[in-house]
Amino acid sequence: MASPSDTSINEDENAITPLRIGVRCKPATLTLLYRAPGGMTRLRLMPVRGLAAYGPLALPLAQIRQRHNKYLQQVPDIRLEKLLRLLQEVSCGRELEEAARALTKEYTIDPNQDLNKLHDADLAKKKKIMDSSFSHHQVLPDDPGYKYDQRLEFDSEKVEAAGWDSSDELWE
């Protein structure tokens, strides 16, 4: 199973709080461990129907969201898409561990990768991953540990000169 969801979760007494989400390969099923409004921990199995071995995941993702919206409201689309891709890879004959390694590369951001060279669909996926990572690390005013107007000092010895703006010729 994967780690807790990437979104910050409000502790509303009537809300379902996702704790962990993962997959079962046979039959293709999403598993969600969640905290129910009464405080009890429950497990929900959500069968994935109509998942093609190849092709886009927009339709299966929309269908599973529609059927289980109450439980998946706080789970980001990119997390569900990654799990569906994992099920796709396994249905093509890959071993689970091998498929997970391949998807780790596909669903991570390489800081050295030139995103300008990506196709529109790949760029949109990378943007979803970045948005999910941002919202996961974002500290809001209601969060414990929030500090207003936080200022950090950086080691000035490690600052590298940027060659493009080091010349004063433009200002003379």
Protein backbone atom coordinates (compact mmCIF):
# COMPACT_ATOMS: atom_id res chain seq x y z
CA MET A 1 0.00 0.00 0.00
CA ALA A 2 1.08 3.57 -0.60
CA SER A 3 1.66 6.23 2.03
CA PRO A 4 -1.04 8.67 3.19
CA SER A 5 -2.60 10.92 0.59
CA ASP A 6 -0.77 13.95 -0.75
CA THR A 7 -3.35 16.49 0.25
CA SER A 8 -3.64 18.28 3.53
CA ILE A 9 -6.73 16.97 5.27
CA ASN A 10 -9.10 18.95 7.44
CA GLU A 11 -10.08 17.02 10.54
CA ASP A 12 -13.82 17.52 10.07
CA GLU A 13 -15.85 15.22 12.27
CA ASN A 14 -18.15 14.29 9.36
CA ALA A 15 -15.40 13.77 6.77
CA ILE A 16 -13.83 10.54 5.65
CA THR A 17 -10.07 10.74 6.16
CA PRO A 18 -7.99 8.57 3.80
CA LEU A 19 -5.06 6.95 5.58
CA ARG A 20 -3.53 4.67 2.93
CA ILE A 21 -4.37 3.71 -0.61
CA GLY A 22 -3.04 0.82 -2.66
CA VAL A 23 -3.90 -1.85 -5.20
CA ARG A 24 -4.76 -5.52 -5.43
CA CYS A 25 -3.75 -7.02 -8.75
CA LYS A 26 -6.12 -9.98 -9.05
CA PRO A 27 -8.82 -8.91 -9.45
CA ALA A 28 -7.85 -5.31 -10.26
CA THR A 29 -8.94 -3.41 -7.16
CA LEU A 30 -8.08 -0.19 -5.37
CA THR A 31 -7.90 -0.58 -1.59
CA LEU A 32 -8.49 2.36 0.70
CA LEU A 33 -7.83 2.38 4.42
CA TYR A 34 -9.72 5.31 5.90
CA ARG A 35 -10.99 6.78 9.14
CA ALA A 36 -14.78 6.95 9.21
CA PRO A 37 -16.65 9.89 10.79
CA GLY A 38 -17.12 7.91 14.02
CA GLY A 39 -13.35 7.49 14.37
CA MET A 40 -13.27 3.83 13.32
CA THR A 41 -10.69 2.66 10.81
CA ARG A 42 -12.20 0.87 7.83
CA LEU A 43 -11.07 -0.76 4.60
CA ARG A 44 -12.88 -0.17 1.29
CA LEU A 45 -12.29 -2.31 -1.79
CA MET A 46 -13.07 -0.59 -5.09
CA PRO A 47 -13.02 -2.87 -8.17
CA VAL A 48 -11.53 -1.31 -11.29
CA ARG A 49 -13.71 -2.14 -14.27
CA GLY A 50 -12.95 -1.59 -17.93
CA LEU A 51 -9.23 -0.97 -17.54
CA ALA A 52 -7.54 -1.57 -20.90
CA ALA A 53 -4.02 -2.97 -20.94
CA TYR A 54 -2.90 0.03 -22.99
CA GLY A 55 -4.31 3.47 -23.54
CA PRO A 56 -5.41 6.54 -21.65
CA LEU A 57 -6.65 6.42 -18.08
CA ALA A 58 -9.05 9.37 -18.17
CA LEU A 59 -12.21 7.26 -18.53
CA PRO A 60 -11.39 4.60 -15.86
CA LEU A 61 -10.27 7.39 -13.52
CA ALA A 62 -13.50 9.33 -14.04
CA GLN A 63 -15.59 6.17 -13.55
CA ILE A 64 -13.90 5.20 -10.28
CA ARG A 65 -14.17 8.79 -9.04
CA GLN A 66 -17.87 8.82 -9.88
CA ARG A 67 -18.61 5.48 -8.18
CA HIS A 68 -16.57 6.16 -5.03
CA ASN A 69 -16.52 9.96 -4.81
CA LYS A 70 -17.40 10.00 -1.11
CA TYR A 71 -14.24 8.04 -0.31
CA LEU A 72 -11.86 9.51 -2.89
CA GLN A 73 -12.58 13.23 -2.52
CA GLN A 74 -9.31 13.93 -0.71
CA VAL A 75 -7.14 11.63 -2.84
CA PRO A 76 -5.37 13.52 -5.65
CA ASP A 77 -6.03 12.50 -9.26
CA ILE A 78 -2.32 11.93 -9.87
CA ARG A 79 -2.21 9.35 -7.05
CA LEU A 80 -5.17 7.45 -8.52
CA GLU A 81 -3.69 7.70 -12.02
CA LYS A 82 -0.41 6.20 -10.79
CA LEU A 83 -2.22 3.29 -9.15
CA LEU A 84 -4.26 2.66 -12.30
CA ARG A 85 -1.06 2.74 -14.38
CA LEU A 86 0.40 0.16 -11.99
CA LEU A 87 -2.60 -2.10 -12.59
CA GLN A 88 -2.19 -1.56 -16.35
CA GLU A 89 1.46 -2.59 -16.24
CA VAL A 90 0.68 -5.72 -14.22
CA SER A 91 -2.12 -6.65 -16.63
CA CYS A 92 0.45 -6.47 -19.47
CA GLY A 93 2.49 -9.19 -17.80
CA ARG A 94 5.04 -7.27 -15.74
CA GLU A 95 5.84 -8.30 -12.19
CA LEU A 96 4.51 -5.93 -9.53
CA GLU A 97 7.95 -4.84 -8.30
CA GLU A 98 9.22 -4.25 -11.83
CA ALA A 99 6.13 -2.21 -12.70
CA ALA A 100 6.50 -0.16 -9.51
CA ARG A 101 10.14 0.66 -10.37
CA ALA A 102 9.17 1.72 -13.90
CA LEU A 103 6.37 3.94 -12.62
CA THR A 104 8.60 5.57 -10.03
CA LYS A 105 10.68 6.93 -12.89
CA GLU A 106 7.57 8.00 -14.82
CA TYR A 107 5.95 9.78 -11.86
CA THR A 108 8.93 11.65 -10.43
CA ILE A 109 10.33 15.01 -11.43
CA ASP A 110 13.95 15.05 -12.54
CA PRO A 111 15.33 18.54 -11.80
CA ASN A 112 17.72 18.22 -14.75
CA GLN A 113 15.01 17.30 -17.26
CA ASP A 114 14.09 19.95 -19.82
CA LEU A 115 10.30 20.14 -19.55
CA ASN A 116 10.16 22.33 -22.68
CA LYS A 117 10.92 19.24 -24.78
CA LEU A 118 7.97 17.19 -23.50
CA HIS A 119 4.72 16.57 -25.36
CA ASP A 120 1.62 18.31 -24.00
CA ALA A 121 0.23 15.18 -22.31
CA ASP A 122 3.54 14.41 -20.58
CA LEU A 123 3.94 18.02 -19.52
CA ALA A 124 0.42 18.04 -18.05
CA LYS A 125 1.28 14.89 -16.06
CA LYS A 126 4.48 16.47 -14.72
CA LYS A 127 2.53 19.60 -13.74
CA LYS A 128 0.00 17.46 -11.83
CA ILE A 129 2.89 15.77 -10.00
CA MET A 130 4.40 19.16 -9.10
CA ASP A 131 1.01 20.47 -7.91
CA SER A 132 0.51 17.39 -5.76
CA SER A 133 3.99 17.74 -4.25
CA PHE A 134 3.41 21.45 -3.60
CA SER A 135 0.08 20.90 -1.83
CA HIS A 136 1.62 18.08 0.24
CA HIS A 137 4.44 20.34 1.50
CA GLN A 138 2.38 23.53 1.77
CA VAL A 139 2.00 24.90 5.29
CA LEU A 140 -1.27 26.77 5.80
CA PRO A 141 -2.18 29.20 8.62
CA ASP A 142 -4.37 26.52 10.28
CA ASP A 143 -1.57 23.93 10.33
CA PRO A 144 0.49 23.27 13.47
CA GLY A 145 4.00 24.63 13.00
CA TYR A 146 2.82 27.52 10.82
CA LYS A 147 4.99 30.57 11.27
CA TYR A 148 4.02 33.94 9.82
CA ASP A 149 6.72 35.87 7.92
CA GLN A 150 9.42 33.25 8.32
CA ARG A 151 12.86 34.42 7.15
CA LEU A 152 15.84 32.19 6.47
CA GLU A 153 19.52 33.06 6.15
CA PHE A 154 21.48 31.34 3.41
CA ASP A 155 25.21 30.75 3.30
CA SER A 156 26.46 33.55 1.03
CA GLU A 157 29.78 31.78 0.35
CA LYS A 158 28.05 29.15 -1.78
CA VAL A 159 26.33 31.66 -4.08
CA GLU A 160 27.34 31.06 -7.68
CA ALA A 161 27.73 33.90 -10.12
CA ALA A 162 25.11 33.95 -12.85
CA GLY A 163 26.98 34.74 -16.06
CA TRP A 164 24.08 36.44 -17.77
CA ASP A 165 23.68 39.31 -15.31
CA SER A 166 27.22 39.89 -14.09
CA SER A 167 28.03 42.58 -16.65
CA ASP A 168 27.40 46.24 -15.90
CA GLU A 169 27.74 47.22 -19.57
CA LEU A 170 23.97 47.57 -19.98
CA TRP A 171 23.74 50.21 -17.26
CA GLU A 172 26.53 52.49 -18.50
